[in-house]
């Protein structure tokens, strides 16, 4: 008997309904952590309402998300996406910024 690995295993595995369902469930959990990290400072909740899970991604529908995440000359970087990802147990890697 000889073992031959299936080169398409990972591709097939990622498409299985169980894996897709679990990834989508974890995406909803991640969106919750990001919303918690983005608690509104002025009690408007504008940014929080624009964080939505879509399939296997979390999207922010705020046009100025980058100012909230990375800051500007007038605002500090709040980093709700990074802090939410870390709080949910994920490793956050941003190749464009150190630390």
C-alpha atoms as a PDB file:
ATOM      1  CA  UNK A   1       0.000   0.000   0.000  1.00  0.00           C
ATOM      2  CA  UNK A   2       1.229   3.484  -0.778  1.00  0.00           C
ATOM      3  CA  UNK A   3      -0.051   6.848   0.397  1.00  0.00           C
ATOM      4  CA  UNK A   4      -0.501   9.501  -2.266  1.00  0.00           C
ATOM      5  CA  UNK A   5      -1.657  12.889  -0.988  1.00  0.00           C
ATOM      6  CA  UNK A   6      -4.514  14.582  -2.791  1.00  0.00           C
ATOM      7  CA  UNK A   7      -3.094  17.839  -4.195  1.00  0.00           C
ATOM      8  CA  UNK A   8      -6.607  19.360  -4.303  1.00  0.00           C
ATOM      9  CA  UNK A   9      -7.430  18.417  -0.686  1.00  0.00           C
ATOM     10  CA  UNK A  10      -7.256  21.906   0.776  1.00  0.00           C
ATOM     11  CA  UNK A  11      -9.268  23.434  -2.070  1.00  0.00           C
ATOM     12  CA  UNK A  12     -11.962  20.762  -1.698  1.00  0.00           C
ATOM     13  CA  UNK A  13     -11.906  21.024   2.110  1.00  0.00           C
ATOM     14  CA  UNK A  14     -12.391  24.799   2.054  1.00  0.00           C
ATOM     15  CA  UNK A  15     -15.473  24.391  -0.147  1.00  0.00           C
ATOM     16  CA  UNK A  16     -17.174  21.838   2.099  1.00  0.00           C
ATOM     17  CA  UNK A  17     -20.428  23.105   3.677  1.00  0.00           C
ATOM     18  CA  UNK A  18     -19.172  22.453   7.207  1.00  0.00           C
ATOM     19  CA  UNK A  19     -16.025  24.544   6.746  1.00  0.00           C
ATOM     20  CA  UNK A  20     -17.856  27.348   4.923  1.00  0.00           C
ATOM     21  CA  UNK A  21     -20.479  27.453   7.689  1.00  0.00           C
ATOM     22  CA  UNK A  22     -17.858  27.596  10.439  1.00  0.00           C
ATOM     23  CA  UNK A  23     -15.884  30.334   8.691  1.00  0.00           C
ATOM     24  CA  UNK A  24     -19.069  32.369   8.230  1.00  0.00           C
ATOM     25  CA  UNK A  25     -19.958  31.868  11.912  1.00  0.00           C
ATOM     26  CA  UNK A  26     -16.515  33.030  12.988  1.00  0.00           C
ATOM     27  CA  UNK A  27     -16.824  36.035  10.684  1.00  0.00           C
ATOM     28  CA  UNK A  28     -19.961  37.123  12.563  1.00  0.00           C
ATOM     29  CA  UNK A  29     -18.092  36.715  15.866  1.00  0.00           C
ATOM     30  CA  UNK A  30     -15.160  38.753  14.517  1.00  0.00           C
ATOM     31  CA  UNK A  31     -17.529  41.537  13.428  1.00  0.00           C
ATOM     32  CA  UNK A  32     -18.865  41.630  16.997  1.00  0.00           C
ATOM     33  CA  UNK A  33     -15.360  41.998  18.423  1.00  0.00           C
ATOM     34  CA  UNK A  34     -14.596  44.807  15.974  1.00  0.00           C
ATOM     35  CA  UNK A  35     -17.820  46.588  16.929  1.00  0.00           C
ATOM     36  CA  UNK A  36     -16.890  46.274  20.597  1.00  0.00           C
ATOM     37  CA  UNK A  37     -13.448  47.715  19.892  1.00  0.00           C
ATOM     38  CA  UNK A  38     -15.112  50.584  17.994  1.00  0.00           C
ATOM     39  CA  UNK A  39     -17.427  51.684  20.797  1.00  0.00           C
ATOM     40  CA  UNK A  40     -18.508  55.193  19.858  1.00  0.00           C
ATOM     41  CA  UNK A  41     -16.838  58.021  21.664  1.00  0.00           C
ATOM     42  CA  UNK A  42     -19.702  60.415  20.926  1.00  0.00           C
ATOM     43  CA  UNK A  43     -22.501  57.850  21.340  1.00  0.00           C
ATOM     44  CA  UNK A  44     -23.501  58.074  17.677  1.00  0.00           C
ATOM     45  CA  UNK A  45     -22.652  54.503  16.735  1.00  0.00           C
ATOM     46  CA  UNK A  46     -22.157  55.583  13.114  1.00  0.00           C
ATOM     47  CA  UNK A  47     -18.966  53.576  12.573  1.00  0.00           C
ATOM     48  CA  UNK A  48     -20.299  50.555  14.457  1.00  0.00           C
ATOM     49  CA  UNK A  49     -23.424  50.341  12.289  1.00  0.00           C
ATOM     50  CA  UNK A  50     -21.267  50.173   9.189  1.00  0.00           C
ATOM     51  CA  UNK A  51     -19.322  47.080  10.245  1.00  0.00           C
ATOM     52  CA  UNK A  52     -21.039  44.086   8.649  1.00  0.00           C
ATOM     53  CA  UNK A  53     -20.078  40.457   8.077  1.00  0.00           C
ATOM     54  CA  UNK A  54     -20.444  39.429   4.431  1.00  0.00           C
ATOM     55  CA  UNK A  55     -19.723  35.758   3.803  1.00  0.00           C
ATOM     56  CA  UNK A  56     -16.162  35.112   4.940  1.00  0.00           C
ATOM     57  CA  UNK A  57     -15.218  38.807   5.237  1.00  0.00           C
ATOM     58  CA  UNK A  58     -15.942  41.674   7.547  1.00  0.00           C
ATOM     59  CA  UNK A  59     -16.616  44.917   5.689  1.00  0.00           C
ATOM     60  CA  UNK A  60     -16.763  48.460   6.899  1.00  0.00           C
ATOM     61  CA  UNK A  61     -19.050  50.612   4.818  1.00  0.00           C
ATOM     62  CA  UNK A  62     -17.695  53.841   6.261  1.00  0.00           C
ATOM     63  CA  UNK A  63     -15.918  55.839   3.564  1.00  0.00           C
ATOM     64  CA  UNK A  64     -13.488  57.215   6.131  1.00  0.00           C
ATOM     65  CA  UNK A  65     -12.637  53.929   7.854  1.00  0.00           C
ATOM     66  CA  UNK A  66      -8.951  54.549   7.246  1.00  0.00           C
ATOM     67  CA  UNK A  67      -9.033  57.671   9.439  1.00  0.00           C
ATOM     68  CA  UNK A  68     -10.552  55.684  12.303  1.00  0.00           C
ATOM     69  CA  UNK A  69      -8.168  52.771  11.849  1.00  0.00           C
ATOM     70  CA  UNK A  70      -4.907  54.583  11.097  1.00  0.00           C
ATOM     71  CA  UNK A  71      -5.554  58.100  12.379  1.00  0.00           C
ATOM     72  CA  UNK A  72      -4.748  61.435  10.803  1.00  0.00           C
ATOM     73  CA  UNK A  73      -2.987  64.637  11.698  1.00  0.00           C
ATOM     74  CA  UNK A  74      -5.997  65.524  13.901  1.00  0.00           C
ATOM     75  CA  UNK A  75      -6.957  62.065  15.230  1.00  0.00           C
ATOM     76  CA  UNK A  76      -5.044  59.254  16.903  1.00  0.00           C
ATOM     77  CA  UNK A  77      -5.216  55.756  15.366  1.00  0.00           C
ATOM     78  CA  UNK A  78      -8.050  53.933  17.174  1.00  0.00           C
ATOM     79  CA  UNK A  79      -7.337  50.603  15.379  1.00  0.00           C
ATOM     80  CA  UNK A  80     -10.738  48.915  16.026  1.00  0.00           C
ATOM     81  CA  UNK A  81     -10.160  46.315  13.278  1.00  0.00           C
ATOM     82  CA  UNK A  82      -6.725  45.365  14.574  1.00  0.00           C
ATOM     83  CA  UNK A  83      -7.848  45.341  18.223  1.00  0.00           C
ATOM     84  CA  UNK A  84     -11.008  43.373  17.371  1.00  0.00           C
ATOM     85  CA  UNK A  85      -9.062  40.770  15.399  1.00  0.00           C
ATOM     86  CA  UNK A  86      -6.557  40.307  18.215  1.00  0.00           C
ATOM     87  CA  UNK A  87      -9.338  40.142  20.839  1.00  0.00           C
ATOM     88  CA  UNK A  88     -11.072  37.407  18.822  1.00  0.00           C
ATOM     89  CA  UNK A  89      -7.911  35.302  18.905  1.00  0.00           C
ATOM     90  CA  UNK A  90      -6.655  35.982  15.395  1.00  0.00           C
ATOM     91  CA  UNK A  91      -3.150  37.047  14.504  1.00  0.00           C
ATOM     92  CA  UNK A  92      -3.263  40.416  12.765  1.00  0.00           C
ATOM     93  CA  UNK A  93      -0.529  41.079  10.236  1.00  0.00           C
ATOM     94  CA  UNK A  94      -0.241  44.419   8.486  1.00  0.00           C
ATOM     95  CA  UNK A  95       2.656  44.291   6.043  1.00  0.00           C
ATOM     96  CA  UNK A  96       2.498  48.042   5.533  1.00  0.00           C
ATOM     97  CA  UNK A  97       2.955  49.027   9.179  1.00  0.00           C
ATOM     98  CA  UNK A  98       5.245  47.689  11.880  1.00  0.00           C
ATOM     99  CA  UNK A  99       3.737  46.525  15.171  1.00  0.00           C
END
